[in-house]
């Protein structure tokens, strides 16, 4: 599976989780409350709003994916965030979203 490059989104109180090493590069990982999602940068990719657990089910990232999901659970505990309710993934509009 190939994903578009990561771009920072509008967020509040980001907490660093560490780095994921892939393709001979270190990718920073953070957790935060999103306040908006930017417009789509590449129309070739659909953007889904889904829980981290659903992302893990939809993509097989092997041990790295299990490690990232464990980091999400640790960040939720650190930030005092509840687990989101399980809902069907939703495709985001091209123009993005604001909360």
PDB file of N, CA and C in Angstrom:
ATOM      1  N   UNK A   1       0.846  -1.173   0.000  1.00  0.00           N
ATOM      2  CA  UNK A   1       0.000   0.000   0.000  1.00  0.00           C
ATOM      3  C   UNK A   1       0.889   1.233   0.000  1.00  0.00           C
ATOM      4  N   UNK A   2       0.579   2.186  -0.829  1.00  0.00           N
ATOM      5  CA  UNK A   2       1.336   3.431  -0.890  1.00  0.00           C
ATOM      6  C   UNK A   2       0.427   4.569  -0.442  1.00  0.00           C
ATOM      7  N   UNK A   3       0.888   5.357   0.476  1.00  0.00           N
ATOM      8  CA  UNK A   3       0.120   6.491   0.977  1.00  0.00           C
ATOM      9  C   UNK A   3       0.787   7.791   0.557  1.00  0.00           C
ATOM     10  N   UNK A   4      -0.002   8.860   0.396  1.00  0.00           N
ATOM     11  CA  UNK A   4       0.614  10.154   0.094  1.00  0.00           C
ATOM     12  C   UNK A   4       1.450  10.614   1.272  1.00  0.00           C
ATOM     13  N   UNK A   5       2.345  11.540   1.026  1.00  0.00           N
ATOM     14  CA  UNK A   5       3.213  12.032   2.098  1.00  0.00           C
ATOM     15  C   UNK A   5       2.395  12.733   3.173  1.00  0.00           C
ATOM     16  N   UNK A   6       2.880  12.688   4.391  1.00  0.00           N
ATOM     17  CA  UNK A   6       2.214  13.293   5.530  1.00  0.00           C
ATOM     18  C   UNK A   6       2.329  14.811   5.459  1.00  0.00           C
ATOM     19  N   UNK A   7       1.238  15.481   5.770  1.00  0.00           N
ATOM     20  CA  UNK A   7       1.240  16.941   5.894  1.00  0.00           C
ATOM     21  C   UNK A   7       0.618  17.281   7.236  1.00  0.00           C
ATOM     22  N   UNK A   8       1.164  18.263   7.886  1.00  0.00           N
ATOM     23  CA  UNK A   8       0.627  18.669   9.185  1.00  0.00           C
ATOM     24  C   UNK A   8      -0.769  19.253   9.001  1.00  0.00           C
ATOM     25  N   UNK A   9      -1.659  18.928   9.905  1.00  0.00           N
ATOM     26  CA  UNK A   9      -3.017  19.459   9.908  1.00  0.00           C
ATOM     27  C   UNK A   9      -3.166  20.406  11.086  1.00  0.00           C
ATOM     28  N   UNK A  10      -4.252  21.162  11.108  1.00  0.00           N
ATOM     29  CA  UNK A  10      -4.533  22.076  12.212  1.00  0.00           C
ATOM     30  C   UNK A  10      -4.868  21.241  13.455  1.00  0.00           C
ATOM     31  N   UNK A  11      -4.120  21.454  14.537  1.00  0.00           N
ATOM     32  CA  UNK A  11      -4.297  20.644  15.731  1.00  0.00           C
ATOM     33  C   UNK A  11      -4.028  21.464  16.983  1.00  0.00           C
ATOM     34  N   UNK A  12      -4.469  20.923  18.115  1.00  0.00           N
ATOM     35  CA  UNK A  12      -4.270  21.555  19.414  1.00  0.00           C
ATOM     36  C   UNK A  12      -3.538  20.569  20.315  1.00  0.00           C
ATOM     37  N   UNK A  13      -2.533  21.047  21.033  1.00  0.00           N
ATOM     38  CA  UNK A  13      -1.832  20.267  22.067  1.00  0.00           C
ATOM     39  C   UNK A  13      -1.206  18.981  21.524  1.00  0.00           C
ATOM     40  N   UNK A  14      -0.373  19.092  20.522  1.00  0.00           N
ATOM     41  CA  UNK A  14       0.291  17.912  19.969  1.00  0.00           C
ATOM     42  C   UNK A  14       1.283  17.335  20.968  1.00  0.00           C
ATOM     43  N   UNK A  15       1.284  16.020  21.064  1.00  0.00           N
ATOM     44  CA  UNK A  15       2.192  15.296  21.955  1.00  0.00           C
ATOM     45  C   UNK A  15       3.097  14.417  21.091  1.00  0.00           C
ATOM     46  N   UNK A  16       4.416  14.588  21.178  1.00  0.00           N
ATOM     47  CA  UNK A  16       5.297  13.739  20.371  1.00  0.00           C
ATOM     48  C   UNK A  16       5.258  12.291  20.847  1.00  0.00           C
ATOM     49  N   UNK A  17       5.181  11.361  19.888  1.00  0.00           N
ATOM     50  CA  UNK A  17       5.168   9.937  20.219  1.00  0.00           C
ATOM     51  C   UNK A  17       6.487   9.268  19.882  1.00  0.00           C
ATOM     52  N   UNK A  18       7.226   9.840  18.944  1.00  0.00           N
ATOM     53  CA  UNK A  18       8.476   9.241  18.519  1.00  0.00           C
ATOM     54  C   UNK A  18       8.575   9.267  17.021  1.00  0.00           C
ATOM     55  N   UNK A  19       9.276   8.279  16.467  1.00  0.00           N
ATOM     56  CA  UNK A  19       9.526   8.224  15.034  1.00  0.00           C
ATOM     57  C   UNK A  19       9.241   6.828  14.528  1.00  0.00           C
ATOM     58  N   UNK A  20       8.817   6.752  13.270  1.00  0.00           N
ATOM     59  CA  UNK A  20       8.677   5.480  12.582  1.00  0.00           C
ATOM     60  C   UNK A  20       9.673   5.509  11.444  1.00  0.00           C
ATOM     61  N   UNK A  21      10.489   4.485  11.347  1.00  0.00           N
ATOM     62  CA  UNK A  21      11.502   4.423  10.302  1.00  0.00           C
ATOM     63  C   UNK A  21      10.982   3.567   9.152  1.00  0.00           C
ATOM     64  N   UNK A  22      10.949   4.165   7.970  1.00  0.00           N
ATOM     65  CA  UNK A  22      10.513   3.449   6.776  1.00  0.00           C
ATOM     66  C   UNK A  22      11.203   4.071   5.576  1.00  0.00           C
ATOM     67  N   UNK A  23      11.502   3.261   4.606  1.00  0.00           N
ATOM     68  CA  UNK A  23      12.132   3.737   3.376  1.00  0.00           C
ATOM     69  C   UNK A  23      13.393   4.560   3.672  1.00  0.00           C
ATOM     70  N   UNK A  24      14.166   4.134   4.651  1.00  0.00           N
ATOM     71  CA  UNK A  24      15.420   4.782   5.056  1.00  0.00           C
ATOM     72  C   UNK A  24      15.210   6.222   5.510  1.00  0.00           C
ATOM     73  N   UNK A  25      14.008   6.530   6.020  1.00  0.00           N
ATOM     74  CA  UNK A  25      13.704   7.860   6.534  1.00  0.00           C
ATOM     75  C   UNK A  25      12.996   7.729   7.873  1.00  0.00           C
ATOM     76  N   UNK A  26      13.160   8.736   8.713  1.00  0.00           N
ATOM     77  CA  UNK A  26      12.444   8.795   9.986  1.00  0.00           C
ATOM     78  C   UNK A  26      11.222   9.694   9.809  1.00  0.00           C
ATOM     79  N   UNK A  27      10.049   9.176  10.169  1.00  0.00           N
ATOM     80  CA  UNK A  27       8.802   9.924  10.062  1.00  0.00           C
ATOM     81  C   UNK A  27       8.317  10.233  11.478  1.00  0.00           C
ATOM     82  N   UNK A  28       8.233  11.512  11.812  1.00  0.00           N
ATOM     83  CA  UNK A  28       7.786  11.906  13.155  1.00  0.00           C
ATOM     84  C   UNK A  28       6.338  11.499  13.357  1.00  0.00           C
ATOM     85  N   UNK A  29       6.014  11.067  14.559  1.00  0.00           N
ATOM     86  CA  UNK A  29       4.650  10.694  14.909  1.00  0.00           C
ATOM     87  C   UNK A  29       4.214  11.525  16.106  1.00  0.00           C
ATOM     88  N   UNK A  30       3.037  12.124  16.010  1.00  0.00           N
ATOM     89  CA  UNK A  30       2.465  12.907  17.104  1.00  0.00           C
ATOM     90  C   UNK A  30       0.997  12.540  17.252  1.00  0.00           C
ATOM     91  N   UNK A  31       0.422  12.920  18.374  1.00  0.00           N
ATOM     92  CA  UNK A  31      -1.015  12.756  18.605  1.00  0.00           C
ATOM     93  C   UNK A  31      -1.556  14.101  19.053  1.00  0.00           C
ATOM     94  N   UNK A  32      -2.749  14.454  18.585  1.00  0.00           N
ATOM     95  CA  UNK A  32      -3.342  15.736  18.934  1.00  0.00           C
ATOM     96  C   UNK A  32      -4.820  15.730  18.574  1.00  0.00           C
ATOM     97  N   UNK A  33      -5.544  16.714  19.113  1.00  0.00           N
ATOM     98  CA  UNK A  33      -6.932  16.919  18.713  1.00  0.00           C
ATOM     99  C   UNK A  33      -6.921  17.741  17.431  1.00  0.00           C
ATOM    100  N   UNK A  34      -7.508  17.197  16.369  1.00  0.00           N
ATOM    101  CA  UNK A  34      -7.582  17.927  15.111  1.00  0.00           C
ATOM    102  C   UNK A  34      -8.676  18.979  15.190  1.00  0.00           C
ATOM    103  N   UNK A  35      -8.417  20.151  14.639  1.00  0.00           N
ATOM    104  CA  UNK A  35      -9.424  21.211  14.591  1.00  0.00           C
ATOM    105  C   UNK A  35      -9.864  21.488  13.156  1.00  0.00           C
ATOM    106  N   UNK A  36      -9.139  20.973  12.177  1.00  0.00           N
ATOM    107  CA  UNK A  36      -9.498  21.128  10.771  1.00  0.00           C
ATOM    108  C   UNK A  36      -8.661  20.170   9.936  1.00  0.00           C
ATOM    109  N   UNK A  37      -9.155  19.845   8.770  1.00  0.00           N
ATOM    110  CA  UNK A  37      -8.409  19.052   7.803  1.00  0.00           C
ATOM    111  C   UNK A  37      -8.280  19.874   6.534  1.00  0.00           C
ATOM    112  N   UNK A  38      -7.070  20.007   6.032  1.00  0.00           N
ATOM    113  CA  UNK A  38      -6.781  20.825   4.856  1.00  0.00           C
ATOM    114  C   UNK A  38      -7.432  20.252   3.608  1.00  0.00           C
ATOM    115  N   UNK A  39      -7.569  21.073   2.569  1.00  0.00           N
ATOM    116  CA  UNK A  39      -8.066  20.547   1.288  1.00  0.00           C
ATOM    117  C   UNK A  39      -7.149  19.441   0.775  1.00  0.00           C
ATOM    118  N   UNK A  40      -7.706  18.553  -0.021  1.00  0.00           N
ATOM    119  CA  UNK A  40      -6.938  17.438  -0.565  1.00  0.00           C
ATOM    120  C   UNK A  40      -5.798  17.960  -1.433  1.00  0.00           C
ATOM    121  N   UNK A  41      -4.602  17.452  -1.204  1.00  0.00           N
ATOM    122  CA  UNK A  41      -3.434  17.883  -1.975  1.00  0.00           C
ATOM    123  C   UNK A  41      -3.328  17.115  -3.288  1.00  0.00           C
ATOM    124  N   UNK A  42      -3.799  15.884  -3.307  1.00  0.00           N
ATOM    125  CA  UNK A  42      -3.684  15.053  -4.497  1.00  0.00           C
ATOM    126  C   UNK A  42      -5.014  14.349  -4.736  1.00  0.00           C
ATOM    127  N   UNK A  43      -5.750  14.715  -5.773  1.00  0.00           N
ATOM    128  CA  UNK A  43      -7.069  14.114  -6.010  1.00  0.00           C
ATOM    129  C   UNK A  43      -7.008  12.623  -6.350  1.00  0.00           C
ATOM    130  N   UNK A  44      -5.813  12.081  -6.579  1.00  0.00           N
ATOM    131  CA  UNK A  44      -5.688  10.652  -6.876  1.00  0.00           C
ATOM    132  C   UNK A  44      -5.936   9.795  -5.637  1.00  0.00           C
ATOM    133  N   UNK A  45      -5.856  10.408  -4.462  1.00  0.00           N
ATOM    134  CA  UNK A  45      -6.031   9.662  -3.218  1.00  0.00           C
ATOM    135  C   UNK A  45      -7.347  10.048  -2.549  1.00  0.00           C
ATOM    136  N   UNK A  46      -8.123   9.058  -2.147  1.00  0.00           N
ATOM    137  CA  UNK A  46      -9.308   9.316  -1.335  1.00  0.00           C
ATOM    138  C   UNK A  46      -8.838   9.491   0.105  1.00  0.00           C
ATOM    139  N   UNK A  47      -9.459  10.396   0.833  1.00  0.00           N
ATOM    140  CA  UNK A  47      -9.113  10.589   2.241  1.00  0.00           C
ATOM    141  C   UNK A  47     -10.288  10.132   3.079  1.00  0.00           C
ATOM    142  N   UNK A  48     -10.017   9.240   4.022  1.00  0.00           N
ATOM    143  CA  UNK A  48     -11.058   8.694   4.874  1.00  0.00           C
ATOM    144  C   UNK A  48     -10.882   9.181   6.296  1.00  0.00           C
ATOM    145  N   UNK A  49     -11.989   9.474   6.942  1.00  0.00           N
ATOM    146  CA  UNK A  49     -11.989   9.765   8.362  1.00  0.00           C
ATOM    147  C   UNK A  49     -12.355   8.452   9.055  1.00  0.00           C
ATOM    148  N   UNK A  50     -11.402   7.897   9.788  1.00  0.00           N
ATOM    149  CA  UNK A  50     -11.574   6.595  10.427  1.00  0.00           C
ATOM    150  C   UNK A  50     -10.787   6.575  11.726  1.00  0.00           C
ATOM    151  N   UNK A  51     -11.154   5.689  12.614  1.00  0.00           N
ATOM    152  CA  UNK A  51     -10.406   5.549  13.864  1.00  0.00           C
ATOM    153  C   UNK A  51      -9.078   4.853  13.572  1.00  0.00           C
ATOM    154  N   UNK A  52      -8.087   5.019  14.448  1.00  0.00           N
ATOM    155  CA  UNK A  52      -6.821   4.302  14.248  1.00  0.00           C
ATOM    156  C   UNK A  52      -7.017   2.789  14.182  1.00  0.00           C
ATOM    157  N   UNK A  53      -7.973   2.280  14.948  1.00  0.00           N
ATOM    158  CA  UNK A  53      -8.244   0.841  14.914  1.00  0.00           C
ATOM    159  C   UNK A  53      -8.752   0.417  13.535  1.00  0.00           C
ATOM    160  N   UNK A  54      -9.615   1.245  12.928  1.00  0.00           N
ATOM    161  CA  UNK A  54     -10.120   0.936  11.600  1.00  0.00           C
ATOM    162  C   UNK A  54      -9.007   1.023  10.551  1.00  0.00           C
ATOM    163  N   UNK A  55      -8.126   1.988  10.700  1.00  0.00           N
ATOM    164  CA  UNK A  55      -6.999   2.100   9.770  1.00  0.00           C
ATOM    165  C   UNK A  55      -6.164   0.834   9.846  1.00  0.00           C
ATOM    166  N   UNK A  56      -5.929   0.365  11.044  1.00  0.00           N
ATOM    167  CA  UNK A  56      -5.144  -0.866  11.244  1.00  0.00           C
ATOM    168  C   UNK A  56      -5.819  -2.052  10.566  1.00  0.00           C
ATOM    169  N   UNK A  57      -7.165  -2.107  10.627  1.00  0.00           N
ATOM    170  CA  UNK A  57      -7.896  -3.204   9.986  1.00  0.00           C
ATOM    171  C   UNK A  57      -7.866  -3.094   8.455  1.00  0.00           C
ATOM    172  N   UNK A  58      -7.869  -1.857   7.934  1.00  0.00           N
ATOM    173  CA  UNK A  58      -7.915  -1.643   6.489  1.00  0.00           C
ATOM    174  C   UNK A  58      -6.559  -1.799   5.815  1.00  0.00           C
ATOM    175  N   UNK A  59      -5.489  -1.667   6.564  1.00  0.00           N
ATOM    176  CA  UNK A  59      -4.150  -1.738   5.983  1.00  0.00           C
ATOM    177  C   UNK A  59      -3.286  -2.683   6.800  1.00  0.00           C
ATOM    178  N   UNK A  60      -2.477  -3.436   6.129  1.00  0.00           N
ATOM    179  CA  UNK A  60      -1.599  -4.381   6.818  1.00  0.00           C
ATOM    180  C   UNK A  60      -0.190  -3.802   6.853  1.00  0.00           C
ATOM    181  N   UNK A  61       0.120  -3.118   7.941  1.00  0.00           N
ATOM    182  CA  UNK A  61       1.445  -2.527   8.092  1.00  0.00           C
ATOM    183  C   UNK A  61       2.337  -3.383   8.986  1.00  0.00           C
ATOM    184  N   UNK A  62       1.909  -4.597   9.276  1.00  0.00           N
ATOM    185  CA  UNK A  62       2.734  -5.526  10.033  1.00  0.00           C
ATOM    186  C   UNK A  62       3.068  -5.026  11.428  1.00  0.00           C
ATOM    187  N   UNK A  63       4.258  -5.404  11.940  1.00  0.00           N
ATOM    188  CA  UNK A  63       4.658  -5.019  13.292  1.00  0.00           C
ATOM    189  C   UNK A  63       4.674  -3.503  13.505  1.00  0.00           C
ATOM    190  N   UNK A  64       5.046  -2.739  12.480  1.00  0.00           N
ATOM    191  CA  UNK A  64       5.072  -1.277  12.624  1.00  0.00           C
ATOM    192  C   UNK A  64       3.671  -0.750  12.887  1.00  0.00           C
ATOM    193  N   UNK A  65       2.660  -1.314  12.241  1.00  0.00           N
ATOM    194  CA  UNK A  65       1.283  -0.893  12.465  1.00  0.00           C
ATOM    195  C   UNK A  65       0.804  -1.214  13.866  1.00  0.00           C
ATOM    196  N   UNK A  66       1.168  -2.385  14.363  1.00  0.00           N
ATOM    197  CA  UNK A  66       0.794  -2.753  15.745  1.00  0.00           C
ATOM    198  C   UNK A  66       1.467  -1.809  16.739  1.00  0.00           C
ATOM    199  N   UNK A  67       2.727  -1.460  16.470  1.00  0.00           N
ATOM    200  CA  UNK A  67       3.457  -0.544  17.350  1.00  0.00           C
ATOM    201  C   UNK A  67       2.816   0.847  17.335  1.00  0.00           C
ATOM    202  N   UNK A  68       2.427   1.324  16.144  1.00  0.00           N
ATOM    203  CA  UNK A  68       1.792   2.633  16.051  1.00  0.00           C
ATOM    204  C   UNK A  68       0.442   2.649  16.773  1.00  0.00           C
ATOM    205  N   UNK A  69      -0.336   1.579  16.646  1.00  0.00           N
ATOM    206  CA  UNK A  69      -1.619   1.528  17.335  1.00  0.00           C
ATOM    207  C   UNK A  69      -1.416   1.520  18.853  1.00  0.00           C
ATOM    208  N   UNK A  70      -0.402   0.829  19.333  1.00  0.00           N
ATOM    209  CA  UNK A  70      -0.095   0.854  20.769  1.00  0.00           C
ATOM    210  C   UNK A  70       0.282   2.268  21.202  1.00  0.00           C
ATOM    211  N   UNK A  71       0.999   3.002  20.345  1.00  0.00           N
ATOM    212  CA  UNK A  71       1.348   4.394  20.654  1.00  0.00           C
ATOM    213  C   UNK A  71       0.109   5.277  20.705  1.00  0.00           C
ATOM    214  N   UNK A  72      -0.846   5.028  19.817  1.00  0.00           N
ATOM    215  CA  UNK A  72      -2.106   5.783  19.838  1.00  0.00           C
ATOM    216  C   UNK A  72      -2.823   5.558  21.164  1.00  0.00           C
ATOM    217  N   UNK A  73      -2.886   4.319  21.605  1.00  0.00           N
ATOM    218  CA  UNK A  73      -3.551   4.014  22.879  1.00  0.00           C
ATOM    219  C   UNK A  73      -2.843   4.701  24.043  1.00  0.00           C
ATOM    220  N   UNK A  74      -1.514   4.730  24.014  1.00  0.00           N
ATOM    221  CA  UNK A  74      -0.757   5.412  25.072  1.00  0.00           C
ATOM    222  C   UNK A  74      -1.026   6.918  25.030  1.00  0.00           C
ATOM    223  N   UNK A  75      -1.084   7.492  23.824  1.00  0.00           N
ATOM    224  CA  UNK A  75      -1.348   8.933  23.690  1.00  0.00           C
ATOM    225  C   UNK A  75      -2.751   9.272  24.177  1.00  0.00           C
ATOM    226  N   UNK A  76      -3.731   8.430  23.870  1.00  0.00           N
ATOM    227  CA  UNK A  76      -5.095   8.662  24.367  1.00  0.00           C
ATOM    228  C   UNK A  76      -5.102   8.726  25.890  1.00  0.00           C
ATOM    229  N   UNK A  77      -4.403   7.787  26.507  1.00  0.00           N
ATOM    230  CA  UNK A  77      -4.346   7.778  27.970  1.00  0.00           C
ATOM    231  C   UNK A  77      -3.654   9.035  28.484  1.00  0.00           C
ATOM    232  N   UNK A  78      -2.548   9.424  27.847  1.00  0.00           N
ATOM    233  CA  UNK A  78      -1.794  10.605  28.268  1.00  0.00           C
ATOM    234  C   UNK A  78      -2.625  11.884  28.132  1.00  0.00           C
ATOM    235  N   UNK A  79      -3.381  11.999  27.041  1.00  0.00           N
ATOM    236  CA  UNK A  79      -4.197  13.192  26.793  1.00  0.00           C
ATOM    237  C   UNK A  79      -5.572  13.124  27.454  1.00  0.00           C
ATOM    238  N   UNK A  80      -5.915  11.972  28.019  1.00  0.00           N
ATOM    239  CA  UNK A  80      -7.223  11.821  28.654  1.00  0.00           C
ATOM    240  C   UNK A  80      -8.359  11.794  27.645  1.00  0.00           C
ATOM    241  N   UNK A  81      -8.103  11.244  26.467  1.00  0.00           N
ATOM    242  CA  UNK A  81      -9.115  11.192  25.419  1.00  0.00           C
ATOM    243  C   UNK A  81      -9.835   9.850  25.440  1.00  0.00           C
ATOM    244  N   UNK A  82     -11.148   9.854  25.257  1.00  0.00           N
ATOM    245  CA  UNK A  82     -11.862   8.573  25.166  1.00  0.00           C
ATOM    246  C   UNK A  82     -11.630   7.942  23.796  1.00  0.00           C
ATOM    247  N   UNK A  83     -11.832   6.658  23.715  1.00  0.00           N
ATOM    248  CA  UNK A  83     -11.762   5.991  22.416  1.00  0.00           C
ATOM    249  C   UNK A  83     -12.951   6.472  21.583  1.00  0.00           C
ATOM    250  N   UNK A  84     -12.735   6.780  20.313  1.00  0.00           N
ATOM    251  CA  UNK A  84     -13.850   7.252  19.488  1.00  0.00           C
ATOM    252  C   UNK A  84     -14.835   6.128  19.218  1.00  0.00           C
ATOM    253  N   UNK A  85     -16.097   6.469  19.017  1.00  0.00           N
ATOM    254  CA  UNK A  85     -17.072   5.423  18.691  1.00  0.00           C
ATOM    255  C   UNK A  85     -16.786   4.836  17.312  1.00  0.00           C
ATOM    256  N   UNK A  86     -17.074   3.582  17.166  1.00  0.00           N
ATOM    257  CA  UNK A  86     -16.856   2.921  15.874  1.00  0.00           C
ATOM    258  C   UNK A  86     -17.999   3.291  14.933  1.00  0.00           C
ATOM    259  N   UNK A  87     -17.657   3.964  13.845  1.00  0.00           N
ATOM    260  CA  UNK A  87     -18.621   4.327  12.811  1.00  0.00           C
ATOM    261  C   UNK A  87     -18.015   3.943  11.468  1.00  0.00           C
ATOM    262  N   UNK A  88     -18.816   3.838  10.425  1.00  0.00           N
ATOM    263  CA  UNK A  88     -18.234   3.526   9.119  1.00  0.00           C
ATOM    264  C   UNK A  88     -17.259   4.629   8.691  1.00  0.00           C
ATOM    265  N   UNK A  89     -16.128   4.260   8.060  1.00  0.00           N
ATOM    266  CA  UNK A  89     -15.230   5.295   7.540  1.00  0.00           C
ATOM    267  C   UNK A  89     -15.981   6.209   6.575  1.00  0.00           C
ATOM    268  N   UNK A  90     -15.640   7.494   6.598  1.00  0.00           N
ATOM    269  CA  UNK A  90     -16.308   8.494   5.772  1.00  0.00           C
ATOM    270  C   UNK A  90     -15.276   9.149   4.868  1.00  0.00           C
ATOM    271  N   UNK A  91     -15.587   9.268   3.575  1.00  0.00           N
ATOM    272  CA  UNK A  91     -14.681   9.962   2.666  1.00  0.00           C
ATOM    273  C   UNK A  91     -14.809  11.466   2.892  1.00  0.00           C
ATOM    274  N   UNK A  92     -13.670  12.133   3.043  1.00  0.00           N
ATOM    275  CA  UNK A  92     -13.662  13.574   3.286  1.00  0.00           C
ATOM    276  C   UNK A  92     -13.831  14.335   1.978  1.00  0.00           C
ATOM    277  N   UNK A  93     -14.520  15.477   2.014  1.00  0.00           N
ATOM    278  CA  UNK A  93     -14.657  16.276   0.799  1.00  0.00           C
ATOM    279  C   UNK A  93     -13.321  16.891   0.386  1.00  0.00           C
ATOM    280  N   UNK A  94     -13.173  17.161  -0.923  1.00  0.00           N
ATOM    281  CA  UNK A  94     -11.924  17.728  -1.432  1.00  0.00           C
ATOM    282  C   UNK A  94     -11.543  19.035  -0.760  1.00  0.00           C
ATOM    283  N   UNK A  95     -12.539  19.839  -0.374  1.00  0.00           N
ATOM    284  CA  UNK A  95     -12.254  21.151   0.203  1.00  0.00           C
ATOM    285  C   UNK A  95     -11.815  21.070   1.673  1.00  0.00           C
ATOM    286  N   UNK A  96     -11.830  19.889   2.272  1.00  0.00           N
ATOM    287  CA  UNK A  96     -11.401  19.749   3.659  1.00  0.00           C
ATOM    288  C   UNK A  96     -12.555  20.008   4.617  1.00  0.00           C
ATOM    289  N   UNK A  97     -12.234  20.062   5.900  1.00  0.00           N
ATOM    290  CA  UNK A  97     -13.235  20.244   6.954  1.00  0.00           C
ATOM    291  C   UNK A  97     -12.724  21.188   8.016  1.00  0.00           C
ATOM    292  N   UNK A  98     -13.622  21.864   8.683  1.00  0.00           N
ATOM    293  CA  UNK A  98     -13.297  22.687   9.867  1.00  0.00           C
ATOM    294  C   UNK A  98     -14.274  22.325  10.967  1.00  0.00           C
ATOM    295  N   UNK A  99     -13.791  22.286  12.197  1.00  0.00           N
ATOM    296  CA  UNK A  99     -14.656  22.010  13.337  1.00  0.00           C
ATOM    297  C   UNK A  99     -14.868  23.294  14.085  1.00  0.00           C
TER     298      UNK A  99
END
